[in-house]
């Protein structure tokens, strides 16, 4: 597993989603997303692309911390110790959504979009993860802007990380 500081590049989330779907097509893989702060935007961005149904298994919006544990299987001890805004929580979410939805690739987003800090983490702190049958990769995004801008940049960040992995 690698941790790296990442900031989204200049492409749009829609461009990144289309590229991810092309990469999935080349491998005949499926994808699912576990989302917290993005509230379903990753999945929505993927399914906005024509032909997405060939690869998108679905998404789980685990906005509440207890849903991360109950639905996605994130260890309660990890959540109690570190809070929901953590790289290992993102990895557990991505692994959980792969398992729950039967996907080859799991994506996850967890972070603080604002307006207030959460679990001692400042607004703009976001962790994303991508798990494939071959690898586990995380990235911490340090974002700024409005709540909407942070959420949009988080979608773009996880999709670009997935593209890098694929």
N, C-alpha and C. Protein backbone atom coordinates (compact mmCIF):
# COMPACT_ATOMS: atom_id res chain seq x y z
N UNK A 1 0.86 -1.17 0.00
CA UNK A 1 0.00 0.00 0.00
C UNK A 1 0.90 1.22 0.00
N UNK A 2 0.51 2.22 -0.75
CA UNK A 2 1.28 3.45 -0.77
C UNK A 2 0.39 4.60 -0.35
N UNK A 3 0.97 5.54 0.34
CA UNK A 3 0.30 6.78 0.67
C UNK A 3 1.03 7.88 -0.08
N UNK A 4 0.28 8.74 -0.68
CA UNK A 4 0.90 9.84 -1.41
C UNK A 4 0.00 11.05 -1.34
N UNK A 5 0.62 12.22 -1.33
CA UNK A 5 -0.17 13.43 -1.44
C UNK A 5 -0.56 13.55 -2.89
N UNK A 6 -1.80 13.82 -3.13
CA UNK A 6 -2.28 13.92 -4.50
C UNK A 6 -3.22 15.11 -4.60
N UNK A 7 -3.18 15.75 -5.73
CA UNK A 7 -4.16 16.78 -6.01
C UNK A 7 -4.69 16.50 -7.40
N UNK A 8 -5.96 16.63 -7.60
CA UNK A 8 -6.55 16.30 -8.89
C UNK A 8 -5.95 17.13 -10.02
N UNK A 9 -5.77 16.50 -11.17
CA UNK A 9 -5.24 17.17 -12.35
C UNK A 9 -6.35 17.99 -13.01
N UNK A 10 -6.10 18.45 -14.22
CA UNK A 10 -7.01 19.41 -14.83
C UNK A 10 -8.23 18.80 -15.53
N UNK A 11 -8.25 17.49 -15.76
CA UNK A 11 -9.41 16.91 -16.43
C UNK A 11 -10.65 17.00 -15.55
N UNK A 12 -11.81 16.85 -16.15
CA UNK A 12 -13.05 16.89 -15.37
C UNK A 12 -13.34 15.51 -14.80
N UNK A 13 -14.19 15.43 -13.79
CA UNK A 13 -14.59 14.12 -13.29
C UNK A 13 -15.22 13.25 -14.39
N UNK A 14 -15.96 13.85 -15.29
CA UNK A 14 -16.58 13.09 -16.38
C UNK A 14 -15.51 12.49 -17.29
N UNK A 15 -14.48 13.26 -17.62
CA UNK A 15 -13.37 12.74 -18.43
C UNK A 15 -12.68 11.58 -17.72
N UNK A 16 -12.44 11.75 -16.42
CA UNK A 16 -11.79 10.69 -15.66
C UNK A 16 -12.65 9.44 -15.60
N UNK A 17 -13.95 9.61 -15.42
CA UNK A 17 -14.86 8.46 -15.37
C UNK A 17 -14.87 7.70 -16.70
N UNK A 18 -14.90 8.43 -17.79
CA UNK A 18 -14.88 7.78 -19.11
C UNK A 18 -13.59 6.99 -19.31
N UNK A 19 -12.49 7.56 -18.88
CA UNK A 19 -11.19 6.88 -19.01
C UNK A 19 -11.14 5.63 -18.11
N UNK A 20 -11.69 5.72 -16.91
CA UNK A 20 -11.74 4.56 -16.02
C UNK A 20 -12.57 3.45 -16.66
N UNK A 21 -13.71 3.78 -17.22
CA UNK A 21 -14.55 2.76 -17.85
C UNK A 21 -13.86 2.12 -19.04
N UNK A 22 -13.10 2.89 -19.80
CA UNK A 22 -12.33 2.31 -20.92
C UNK A 22 -11.28 1.35 -20.38
N UNK A 23 -10.61 1.72 -19.31
CA UNK A 23 -9.59 0.84 -18.71
C UNK A 23 -10.23 -0.43 -18.15
N UNK A 24 -11.39 -0.31 -17.55
CA UNK A 24 -12.10 -1.49 -17.05
C UNK A 24 -12.50 -2.39 -18.21
N UNK A 25 -12.95 -1.79 -19.31
CA UNK A 25 -13.34 -2.56 -20.48
C UNK A 25 -12.17 -3.39 -21.01
N UNK A 26 -10.98 -2.81 -21.01
CA UNK A 26 -9.80 -3.51 -21.51
C UNK A 26 -9.47 -4.74 -20.66
N UNK A 27 -9.86 -4.72 -19.38
CA UNK A 27 -9.58 -5.84 -18.48
C UNK A 27 -10.81 -6.71 -18.20
N UNK A 28 -11.96 -6.28 -18.71
CA UNK A 28 -13.22 -6.97 -18.43
C UNK A 28 -13.48 -7.03 -16.92
N UNK A 29 -13.24 -5.92 -16.24
CA UNK A 29 -13.44 -5.83 -14.80
C UNK A 29 -14.67 -4.99 -14.48
N UNK A 30 -15.17 -5.21 -13.27
CA UNK A 30 -16.29 -4.42 -12.75
C UNK A 30 -15.78 -3.49 -11.65
N UNK A 31 -16.62 -2.53 -11.27
CA UNK A 31 -16.22 -1.52 -10.29
C UNK A 31 -17.40 -1.19 -9.38
N UNK A 32 -17.08 -0.83 -8.15
CA UNK A 32 -18.08 -0.37 -7.17
C UNK A 32 -17.44 0.71 -6.32
N UNK A 33 -18.26 1.59 -5.77
CA UNK A 33 -17.74 2.70 -4.97
C UNK A 33 -18.39 2.74 -3.60
N UNK A 34 -17.56 2.98 -2.59
CA UNK A 34 -18.02 3.24 -1.22
C UNK A 34 -17.75 4.72 -0.97
N UNK A 35 -18.80 5.46 -0.67
CA UNK A 35 -18.66 6.91 -0.59
C UNK A 35 -19.16 7.45 0.74
N UNK A 36 -18.40 8.39 1.26
CA UNK A 36 -18.84 9.12 2.44
C UNK A 36 -19.09 10.56 2.02
N UNK A 37 -18.08 11.41 2.07
CA UNK A 37 -18.31 12.83 1.79
C UNK A 37 -18.83 13.11 0.39
N UNK A 38 -18.59 12.22 -0.56
CA UNK A 38 -19.05 12.44 -1.94
C UNK A 38 -20.51 12.05 -2.14
N UNK A 39 -21.11 11.38 -1.18
CA UNK A 39 -22.55 11.15 -1.16
C UNK A 39 -23.17 10.56 -2.41
N UNK A 40 -22.45 9.72 -3.13
CA UNK A 40 -22.98 9.09 -4.34
C UNK A 40 -22.49 9.72 -5.63
N UNK A 41 -21.72 10.77 -5.53
CA UNK A 41 -21.27 11.46 -6.75
C UNK A 41 -20.30 10.62 -7.59
N UNK A 42 -19.48 9.78 -6.95
CA UNK A 42 -18.56 8.94 -7.73
C UNK A 42 -19.37 7.99 -8.59
N UNK A 43 -20.30 7.30 -7.99
CA UNK A 43 -21.14 6.36 -8.73
C UNK A 43 -21.95 7.08 -9.80
N UNK A 44 -22.53 8.23 -9.45
CA UNK A 44 -23.31 8.99 -10.42
C UNK A 44 -22.45 9.44 -11.60
N UNK A 45 -21.23 9.84 -11.34
CA UNK A 45 -20.33 10.27 -12.42
C UNK A 45 -20.00 9.11 -13.34
N UNK A 46 -19.78 7.94 -12.76
CA UNK A 46 -19.52 6.76 -13.59
C UNK A 46 -20.73 6.40 -14.44
N UNK A 47 -21.92 6.37 -13.83
CA UNK A 47 -23.09 5.93 -14.59
C UNK A 47 -23.61 6.98 -15.56
N UNK A 48 -23.10 8.19 -15.48
CA UNK A 48 -23.44 9.20 -16.48
C UNK A 48 -22.82 8.87 -17.84
N UNK A 49 -21.83 7.99 -17.87
CA UNK A 49 -21.14 7.65 -19.11
C UNK A 49 -21.91 6.53 -19.82
N UNK A 50 -22.28 6.72 -21.09
CA UNK A 50 -22.97 5.65 -21.81
C UNK A 50 -22.16 4.36 -21.79
N UNK A 51 -22.82 3.25 -21.54
CA UNK A 51 -22.16 1.96 -21.49
C UNK A 51 -21.65 1.57 -20.11
N UNK A 52 -21.87 2.43 -19.13
CA UNK A 52 -21.37 2.17 -17.77
C UNK A 52 -21.92 0.88 -17.20
N UNK A 53 -23.11 0.49 -17.61
CA UNK A 53 -23.73 -0.71 -17.03
C UNK A 53 -22.93 -1.97 -17.29
N UNK A 54 -22.03 -1.94 -18.26
CA UNK A 54 -21.18 -3.10 -18.52
C UNK A 54 -20.17 -3.33 -17.40
N UNK A 55 -19.91 -2.29 -16.58
CA UNK A 55 -18.85 -2.39 -15.58
C UNK A 55 -19.24 -1.96 -14.17
N UNK A 56 -20.18 -1.06 -14.03
CA UNK A 56 -20.52 -0.52 -12.71
C UNK A 56 -21.48 -1.46 -12.00
N UNK A 57 -21.03 -1.98 -10.84
CA UNK A 57 -21.87 -2.86 -10.02
C UNK A 57 -22.81 -2.06 -9.13
N UNK A 58 -22.34 -0.89 -8.68
CA UNK A 58 -23.17 -0.05 -7.82
C UNK A 58 -22.31 0.73 -6.85
N UNK A 59 -22.99 1.31 -5.88
CA UNK A 59 -22.29 2.11 -4.88
C UNK A 59 -23.00 2.03 -3.55
N UNK A 60 -22.25 2.30 -2.50
CA UNK A 60 -22.80 2.36 -1.15
C UNK A 60 -22.43 3.73 -0.59
N UNK A 61 -23.44 4.50 -0.21
CA UNK A 61 -23.19 5.77 0.46
C UNK A 61 -23.22 5.47 1.96
N UNK A 62 -22.03 5.47 2.54
CA UNK A 62 -21.87 5.19 3.97
C UNK A 62 -21.48 6.50 4.64
N UNK A 63 -22.43 7.41 4.69
CA UNK A 63 -22.17 8.75 5.21
C UNK A 63 -21.98 8.72 6.72
N UNK A 64 -22.79 7.94 7.40
CA UNK A 64 -22.68 7.82 8.86
C UNK A 64 -21.62 6.79 9.22
N UNK A 65 -20.89 7.07 10.28
CA UNK A 65 -19.79 6.19 10.69
C UNK A 65 -20.27 4.78 10.98
N UNK A 66 -21.42 4.64 11.64
CA UNK A 66 -21.89 3.29 11.95
C UNK A 66 -22.24 2.49 10.69
N UNK A 67 -22.62 3.15 9.61
CA UNK A 67 -22.91 2.46 8.36
C UNK A 67 -21.61 1.92 7.75
N UNK A 68 -20.53 2.65 7.92
CA UNK A 68 -19.23 2.15 7.44
C UNK A 68 -18.93 0.80 8.09
N UNK A 69 -19.22 0.69 9.37
CA UNK A 69 -18.96 -0.56 10.10
C UNK A 69 -19.98 -1.63 9.73
N UNK A 70 -21.26 -1.32 9.84
CA UNK A 70 -22.30 -2.33 9.66
C UNK A 70 -22.44 -2.83 8.23
N UNK A 71 -22.36 -1.95 7.26
CA UNK A 71 -22.59 -2.35 5.87
C UNK A 71 -21.30 -2.74 5.17
N UNK A 72 -20.25 -1.96 5.38
CA UNK A 72 -19.00 -2.19 4.66
C UNK A 72 -17.98 -3.03 5.44
N UNK A 73 -18.23 -3.25 6.71
CA UNK A 73 -17.32 -4.08 7.49
C UNK A 73 -16.07 -3.37 7.97
N UNK A 74 -16.07 -2.04 8.00
CA UNK A 74 -14.92 -1.32 8.55
C UNK A 74 -14.85 -1.65 10.04
N UNK A 75 -13.69 -2.10 10.53
CA UNK A 75 -13.60 -2.47 11.94
C UNK A 75 -13.99 -1.32 12.88
N UNK A 76 -14.88 -1.62 13.81
CA UNK A 76 -15.33 -0.60 14.76
C UNK A 76 -14.17 -0.07 15.59
N UNK A 77 -13.19 -0.92 15.89
CA UNK A 77 -12.02 -0.49 16.66
C UNK A 77 -11.22 0.57 15.89
N UNK A 78 -11.09 0.38 14.58
CA UNK A 78 -10.38 1.34 13.74
C UNK A 78 -11.11 2.68 13.74
N UNK A 79 -12.42 2.64 13.58
CA UNK A 79 -13.21 3.86 13.58
C UNK A 79 -13.14 4.57 14.93
N UNK A 80 -13.17 3.81 16.02
CA UNK A 80 -13.10 4.41 17.36
C UNK A 80 -11.73 5.02 17.62
N UNK A 81 -10.69 4.36 17.14
CA UNK A 81 -9.32 4.82 17.39
C UNK A 81 -8.93 6.02 16.54
N UNK A 82 -9.29 5.99 15.26
CA UNK A 82 -8.80 7.01 14.33
C UNK A 82 -9.88 7.93 13.77
N UNK A 83 -11.13 7.55 13.90
CA UNK A 83 -12.20 8.31 13.28
C UNK A 83 -12.38 7.87 11.84
N UNK A 84 -13.39 8.42 11.20
CA UNK A 84 -13.75 8.01 9.84
C UNK A 84 -12.84 8.59 8.77
N UNK A 85 -12.13 9.67 9.08
CA UNK A 85 -11.29 10.34 8.09
C UNK A 85 -9.86 9.82 8.24
N UNK A 86 -9.59 8.69 7.55
CA UNK A 86 -8.33 7.99 7.74
C UNK A 86 -8.05 7.11 6.52
N UNK A 87 -6.79 6.96 6.16
CA UNK A 87 -6.42 6.15 5.00
C UNK A 87 -6.83 4.69 5.17
N UNK A 88 -6.62 4.13 6.36
CA UNK A 88 -6.99 2.72 6.57
C UNK A 88 -8.50 2.52 6.53
N UNK A 89 -9.25 3.53 6.94
CA UNK A 89 -10.71 3.46 6.83
C UNK A 89 -11.10 3.45 5.35
N UNK A 90 -10.46 4.28 4.55
CA UNK A 90 -10.74 4.30 3.11
C UNK A 90 -10.45 2.93 2.49
N UNK A 91 -9.34 2.32 2.87
CA UNK A 91 -8.99 0.99 2.36
C UNK A 91 -10.05 -0.04 2.76
N UNK A 92 -10.46 0.00 4.02
CA UNK A 92 -11.48 -0.94 4.49
C UNK A 92 -12.81 -0.72 3.77
N UNK A 93 -13.15 0.53 3.51
CA UNK A 93 -14.38 0.82 2.76
C UNK A 93 -14.30 0.26 1.34
N UNK A 94 -13.17 0.48 0.67
CA UNK A 94 -13.00 -0.02 -0.70
C UNK A 94 -13.05 -1.55 -0.73
N UNK A 95 -12.41 -2.18 0.22
CA UNK A 95 -12.47 -3.64 0.29
C UNK A 95 -13.86 -4.14 0.60
N UNK A 96 -14.55 -3.42 1.48
CA UNK A 96 -15.91 -3.81 1.83
C UNK A 96 -16.87 -3.71 0.67
N UNK A 97 -16.77 -2.65 -0.11
CA UNK A 97 -17.69 -2.49 -1.25
C UNK A 97 -17.38 -3.51 -2.34
N UNK A 98 -16.12 -3.87 -2.49
CA UNK A 98 -15.78 -4.95 -3.45
C UNK A 98 -16.48 -6.24 -3.04
N UNK A 99 -16.41 -6.55 -1.76
CA UNK A 99 -17.00 -7.78 -1.24
C UNK A 99 -18.52 -7.73 -1.32
N UNK A 100 -19.12 -6.66 -0.82
CA UNK A 100 -20.58 -6.56 -0.74
C UNK A 100 -21.23 -6.56 -2.13
N UNK A 101 -20.60 -5.89 -3.10
CA UNK A 101 -21.20 -5.76 -4.43
C UNK A 101 -20.56 -6.68 -5.47
N UNK A 102 -19.58 -7.48 -5.07
CA UNK A 102 -18.99 -8.44 -5.98
C UNK A 102 -18.27 -7.81 -7.15
N UNK A 103 -17.46 -6.78 -6.88
CA UNK A 103 -16.75 -6.05 -7.93
C UNK A 103 -15.27 -6.41 -7.94
N UNK A 104 -14.65 -6.26 -9.10
CA UNK A 104 -13.20 -6.45 -9.21
C UNK A 104 -12.45 -5.28 -8.60
N UNK A 105 -12.98 -4.07 -8.77
CA UNK A 105 -12.33 -2.85 -8.30
C UNK A 105 -13.23 -2.16 -7.29
N UNK A 106 -12.66 -1.78 -6.17
CA UNK A 106 -13.39 -1.01 -5.16
C UNK A 106 -12.77 0.36 -5.01
N UNK A 107 -13.60 1.38 -5.00
CA UNK A 107 -13.17 2.76 -4.77
C UNK A 107 -13.76 3.22 -3.45
N UNK A 108 -13.08 4.15 -2.78
CA UNK A 108 -13.64 4.72 -1.55
C UNK A 108 -13.22 6.16 -1.39
N UNK A 109 -14.13 6.94 -0.80
CA UNK A 109 -13.85 8.33 -0.44
C UNK A 109 -14.31 8.55 0.99
N UNK A 110 -13.47 9.19 1.79
CA UNK A 110 -13.84 9.61 3.13
C UNK A 110 -13.07 10.87 3.45
N UNK A 111 -13.74 11.84 4.06
CA UNK A 111 -13.05 13.09 4.33
C UNK A 111 -13.96 14.15 4.90
N UNK A 112 -13.43 15.36 4.92
CA UNK A 112 -14.12 16.50 5.52
C UNK A 112 -14.36 17.56 4.45
N UNK A 113 -15.62 17.73 4.06
CA UNK A 113 -15.97 18.75 3.07
C UNK A 113 -16.35 20.08 3.71
N UNK A 114 -16.58 20.05 5.01
CA UNK A 114 -16.93 21.28 5.70
C UNK A 114 -18.42 21.37 5.96
N UNK A 115 -18.83 22.33 6.66
CA UNK A 115 -18.09 23.56 6.97
C UNK A 115 -17.17 23.45 8.19
N UNK A 116 -17.31 22.38 9.00
CA UNK A 116 -16.53 22.27 10.23
C UNK A 116 -15.56 21.10 10.16
N UNK A 117 -14.47 21.15 10.94
CA UNK A 117 -13.56 20.01 11.04
C UNK A 117 -14.31 18.79 11.58
N UNK A 118 -13.75 17.61 11.36
CA UNK A 118 -14.34 16.37 11.86
C UNK A 118 -13.23 15.47 12.40
N UNK A 119 -13.46 14.88 13.54
CA UNK A 119 -12.49 13.96 14.15
C UNK A 119 -11.10 14.59 14.24
N UNK A 120 -11.06 15.90 14.49
CA UNK A 120 -9.78 16.59 14.60
C UNK A 120 -9.09 16.85 13.28
N UNK A 121 -9.77 16.55 12.16
CA UNK A 121 -9.18 16.76 10.83
C UNK A 121 -9.75 18.02 10.23
N UNK A 122 -8.89 18.85 9.62
CA UNK A 122 -9.39 20.11 9.04
C UNK A 122 -10.20 19.89 7.77
N UNK A 123 -11.03 20.86 7.47
CA UNK A 123 -11.80 20.85 6.23
C UNK A 123 -10.82 20.72 5.06
N UNK A 124 -11.16 19.87 4.11
CA UNK A 124 -10.32 19.65 2.94
C UNK A 124 -9.45 18.41 3.03
N UNK A 125 -9.43 17.76 4.20
CA UNK A 125 -8.68 16.52 4.35
C UNK A 125 -9.53 15.38 3.81
N UNK A 126 -9.02 14.69 2.80
CA UNK A 126 -9.76 13.62 2.15
C UNK A 126 -8.82 12.43 1.93
N UNK A 127 -9.33 11.24 2.18
CA UNK A 127 -8.59 10.02 1.87
C UNK A 127 -9.40 9.25 0.84
N UNK A 128 -8.70 8.78 -0.20
CA UNK A 128 -9.32 7.96 -1.23
C UNK A 128 -8.53 6.67 -1.33
N UNK A 129 -9.20 5.61 -1.75
CA UNK A 129 -8.54 4.32 -1.90
C UNK A 129 -9.08 3.61 -3.13
N UNK A 130 -8.21 2.79 -3.72
CA UNK A 130 -8.57 1.94 -4.85
C UNK A 130 -7.99 0.57 -4.57
N UNK A 131 -8.84 -0.45 -4.67
CA UNK A 131 -8.40 -1.83 -4.50
C UNK A 131 -8.79 -2.61 -5.76
N UNK A 132 -7.81 -3.31 -6.32
CA UNK A 132 -8.05 -4.22 -7.44
C UNK A 132 -7.62 -5.61 -7.00
N UNK A 133 -7.80 -6.62 -7.84
CA UNK A 133 -7.28 -7.94 -7.47
C UNK A 133 -5.76 -7.95 -7.33
N UNK A 134 -5.10 -6.91 -7.83
CA UNK A 134 -3.64 -6.87 -7.85
C UNK A 134 -3.01 -5.89 -6.89
N UNK A 135 -3.75 -4.89 -6.42
CA UNK A 135 -3.11 -3.82 -5.66
C UNK A 135 -4.08 -3.10 -4.73
N UNK A 136 -3.48 -2.41 -3.76
CA UNK A 136 -4.21 -1.53 -2.85
C UNK A 136 -3.44 -0.21 -2.83
N UNK A 137 -4.12 0.87 -3.17
CA UNK A 137 -3.47 2.18 -3.22
C UNK A 137 -4.35 3.20 -2.52
N UNK A 138 -3.72 4.06 -1.73
CA UNK A 138 -4.43 5.16 -1.09
C UNK A 138 -3.75 6.47 -1.44
N UNK A 139 -4.49 7.53 -1.30
CA UNK A 139 -3.92 8.86 -1.45
C UNK A 139 -4.64 9.80 -0.50
N UNK A 140 -3.89 10.73 0.04
CA UNK A 140 -4.49 11.79 0.84
C UNK A 140 -4.55 13.03 -0.04
N UNK A 141 -5.74 13.59 -0.13
CA UNK A 141 -5.94 14.83 -0.86
C UNK A 141 -6.06 15.95 0.16
N UNK A 142 -5.38 17.04 -0.08
CA UNK A 142 -5.50 18.23 0.75
C UNK A 142 -6.13 19.29 -0.14
N UNK A 143 -7.41 19.52 0.07
CA UNK A 143 -8.20 20.35 -0.84
C UNK A 143 -8.65 21.63 -0.16
N UNK A 144 -8.99 22.60 -0.97
CA UNK A 144 -9.55 23.85 -0.44
C UNK A 144 -10.69 24.27 -1.34
N UNK A 145 -11.48 25.20 -0.85
CA UNK A 145 -12.60 25.70 -1.61
C UNK A 145 -13.89 25.51 -0.83
N UNK A 146 -14.98 25.65 -1.55
CA UNK A 146 -16.29 25.47 -0.93
C UNK A 146 -16.54 23.99 -0.69
N UNK A 147 -17.58 23.71 0.06
CA UNK A 147 -17.99 22.32 0.29
C UNK A 147 -18.19 21.59 -1.04
N UNK A 148 -18.89 22.21 -1.97
CA UNK A 148 -19.13 21.61 -3.27
C UNK A 148 -17.83 21.38 -4.04
N UNK A 149 -16.94 22.35 -4.00
CA UNK A 149 -15.67 22.21 -4.71
C UNK A 149 -14.83 21.07 -4.13
N UNK A 150 -14.83 20.93 -2.82
CA UNK A 150 -14.09 19.84 -2.18
C UNK A 150 -14.69 18.49 -2.57
N UNK A 151 -15.99 18.39 -2.59
CA UNK A 151 -16.64 17.14 -2.95
C UNK A 151 -16.36 16.79 -4.42
N UNK A 152 -16.45 17.77 -5.31
CA UNK A 152 -16.17 17.53 -6.73
C UNK A 152 -14.71 17.13 -6.94
N UNK A 153 -13.79 17.80 -6.26
CA UNK A 153 -12.37 17.45 -6.38
C UNK A 153 -12.09 16.06 -5.81
N UNK A 154 -12.85 15.64 -4.81
CA UNK A 154 -12.70 14.30 -4.25
C UNK A 154 -13.12 13.24 -5.26
N UNK A 155 -14.22 13.48 -5.96
CA UNK A 155 -14.66 12.56 -7.02
C UNK A 155 -13.57 12.45 -8.08
N UNK A 156 -13.08 13.58 -8.52
CA UNK A 156 -12.05 13.57 -9.54
C UNK A 156 -10.79 12.87 -9.03
N UNK A 157 -10.42 13.13 -7.79
CA UNK A 157 -9.22 12.52 -7.21
C UNK A 157 -9.29 11.01 -7.17
N UNK A 158 -10.42 10.45 -6.72
CA UNK A 158 -10.51 8.98 -6.64
C UNK A 158 -10.57 8.37 -8.02
N UNK A 159 -11.22 9.02 -8.97
CA UNK A 159 -11.27 8.49 -10.33
C UNK A 159 -9.91 8.55 -11.00
N UNK A 160 -9.16 9.61 -10.77
CA UNK A 160 -7.82 9.69 -11.35
C UNK A 160 -6.88 8.67 -10.70
N UNK A 161 -7.03 8.43 -9.40
CA UNK A 161 -6.24 7.41 -8.75
C UNK A 161 -6.57 6.04 -9.35
N UNK A 162 -7.86 5.78 -9.57
CA UNK A 162 -8.26 4.51 -10.20
C UNK A 162 -7.66 4.39 -11.59
N UNK A 163 -7.67 5.46 -12.33
CA UNK A 163 -7.09 5.42 -13.68
C UNK A 163 -5.60 5.12 -13.61
N UNK A 164 -4.89 5.73 -12.67
CA UNK A 164 -3.46 5.46 -12.50
C UNK A 164 -3.23 3.98 -12.17
N UNK A 165 -4.06 3.41 -11.34
CA UNK A 165 -3.92 2.01 -10.94
C UNK A 165 -4.24 1.08 -12.10
N UNK A 166 -5.29 1.42 -12.85
CA UNK A 166 -5.71 0.56 -13.96
C UNK A 166 -4.79 0.71 -15.16
